[in-house]
Amino acid sequence: MNHKFQQIQNWSELARQANWSAAALAKLCGVSANTLRRHFLQQMHKNPSAWLAEQRQHQAIELLRDGTSIKETATCLGYKQQTNFTRKFKEFWGACPSQQSPVRQIKSQNGRK
């Protein structure tokens, strides 16, 4: 394994700094895109782009559950269009982002939809 990867403690933070881009992540790590890909396939059993997309969606859930609006969440995660964020969110989670808002969760817990 590349010694540069051994020093990395917080991959999630690097993902945000790289704006969810595999090429930018490789640059932040000081390695080539191919080296990063080999590392991810070996250590995380998926390519960097798939891992970054997954991390981005998990960050979206956290933001939405903390009460961040859908528009603000999309912007925070680097989406240029809210509709693109909503589509990717629904593809990944099988539900619309509006179903993750705290108000929606409270209503669901009270037996209302």
Protein backbone atom coordinates (compact mmCIF):
# COMPACT_ATOMS: atom_id res chain seq x y z
CA MET A 1 0.00 0.00 0.00
CA ASN A 2 1.17 3.51 -0.78
CA HIS A 3 2.67 5.17 2.31
CA LYS A 4 0.77 8.38 1.51
CA PHE A 5 -2.51 6.58 2.21
CA GLN A 6 -1.32 5.39 5.61
CA GLN A 7 -1.17 8.99 6.82
CA ILE A 8 -4.79 9.76 5.90
CA GLN A 9 -7.08 9.68 8.91
CA ASN A 10 -10.30 11.28 7.66
CA TRP A 11 -11.34 10.22 4.17
CA SER A 12 -14.76 11.84 4.55
CA GLU A 13 -13.24 15.25 5.15
CA LEU A 14 -10.95 14.83 2.15
CA ALA A 15 -13.99 13.90 0.06
CA ARG A 16 -15.64 17.21 0.98
CA GLN A 17 -12.43 19.15 0.31
CA ALA A 18 -12.20 17.48 -3.11
CA ASN A 19 -15.79 18.54 -3.82
CA TRP A 20 -16.70 14.88 -4.36
CA SER A 21 -14.31 14.54 -7.34
CA ALA A 22 -12.05 11.50 -7.72
CA ALA A 23 -9.46 13.49 -9.70
CA ALA A 24 -9.37 16.22 -7.05
CA LEU A 25 -9.15 13.59 -4.29
CA ALA A 26 -6.16 11.98 -6.00
CA LYS A 27 -4.49 15.39 -6.23
CA LEU A 28 -5.13 16.09 -2.53
CA CYS A 29 -3.58 12.72 -1.70
CA GLY A 30 -0.58 13.45 -3.91
CA VAL A 31 -1.09 10.37 -6.07
CA SER A 32 -2.26 9.60 -9.59
CA ALA A 33 -5.90 8.78 -10.33
CA ASN A 34 -4.85 5.19 -11.13
CA THR A 35 -3.04 4.80 -7.80
CA LEU A 36 -6.09 6.12 -5.97
CA ARG A 37 -8.33 3.72 -7.89
CA ARG A 38 -6.13 0.73 -7.03
CA HIS A 39 -6.12 1.74 -3.36
CA PHE A 40 -9.89 2.10 -3.24
CA LEU A 41 -10.52 -1.19 -5.01
CA GLN A 42 -8.15 -2.96 -2.62
CA GLN A 43 -9.23 -1.28 0.63
CA MET A 44 -12.86 -0.26 0.07
CA HIS A 45 -13.88 -2.72 -2.64
CA LYS A 46 -15.25 0.01 -4.91
CA ASN A 47 -13.89 2.65 -7.21
CA PRO A 48 -13.31 6.18 -5.88
CA SER A 49 -16.22 7.69 -7.81
CA ALA A 50 -18.69 5.20 -6.35
CA TRP A 51 -17.32 5.73 -2.85
CA LEU A 52 -17.48 9.52 -3.23
CA ALA A 53 -21.08 9.37 -4.48
CA GLU A 54 -21.99 7.24 -1.47
CA GLN A 55 -20.27 9.63 0.95
CA ARG A 56 -22.02 12.57 -0.67
CA GLN A 57 -25.41 10.94 -0.17
CA HIS A 58 -24.68 10.13 3.47
CA GLN A 59 -23.69 13.77 4.00
CA ALA A 60 -26.99 14.78 2.35
CA ILE A 61 -28.97 12.70 4.85
CA GLU A 62 -27.14 14.32 7.77
CA LEU A 63 -27.76 17.82 6.46
CA LEU A 64 -31.45 17.18 5.75
CA ARG A 65 -32.05 15.56 9.13
CA ASP A 66 -30.39 18.54 10.80
CA GLY A 67 -32.99 20.77 9.16
CA THR A 68 -31.00 22.12 6.20
CA SER A 69 -33.28 22.89 3.28
CA ILE A 70 -33.11 20.81 0.12
CA LYS A 71 -31.79 23.79 -1.84
CA GLU A 72 -29.09 24.54 0.76
CA THR A 73 -28.13 20.86 0.93
CA ALA A 74 -27.78 20.68 -2.85
CA THR A 75 -25.60 23.80 -2.85
CA CYS A 76 -23.49 22.59 0.08
CA LEU A 77 -22.82 19.31 -1.71
CA GLY A 78 -21.74 21.03 -4.91
CA TYR A 79 -24.77 20.41 -7.08
CA LYS A 80 -25.36 23.22 -9.56
CA GLN A 81 -29.05 22.38 -9.85
CA GLN A 82 -31.37 21.26 -7.06
CA THR A 83 -33.13 18.96 -9.53
CA ASN A 84 -29.87 17.06 -10.13
CA PHE A 85 -29.45 16.60 -6.38
CA THR A 86 -33.04 15.42 -5.98
CA ARG A 87 -32.66 12.91 -8.83
CA LYS A 88 -29.38 11.48 -7.46
CA PHE A 89 -30.81 11.35 -3.94
CA LYS A 90 -33.87 9.43 -5.11
CA GLU A 91 -31.73 7.03 -7.18
CA PHE A 92 -29.54 6.30 -4.16
CA TRP A 93 -32.10 6.22 -1.32
CA GLY A 94 -35.29 5.33 -3.20
CA ALA A 95 -37.12 8.33 -1.74
CA CYS A 96 -37.24 12.08 -2.26
CA PRO A 97 -35.12 14.37 -0.07
CA SER A 98 -38.28 16.02 1.28
CA GLN A 99 -39.04 12.75 3.06
CA GLN A 100 -35.94 13.27 5.22
CA SER A 101 -36.87 16.62 6.73
CA PRO A 102 -37.36 16.76 10.51
CA VAL A 103 -40.97 17.92 10.10
CA ARG A 104 -41.74 14.90 7.90
CA GLN A 105 -40.08 12.55 10.42
CA ILE A 106 -42.05 13.99 13.34
CA LYS A 107 -45.33 13.58 11.45
CA SER A 108 -44.40 9.98 10.57
CA GLN A 109 -43.57 9.20 14.19
CA ASN A 110 -47.00 10.51 15.21
CA GLY A 111 -48.68 8.17 12.76
CA ARG A 112 -49.43 10.85 10.19
CA LYS A 113 -47.97 11.19 6.73
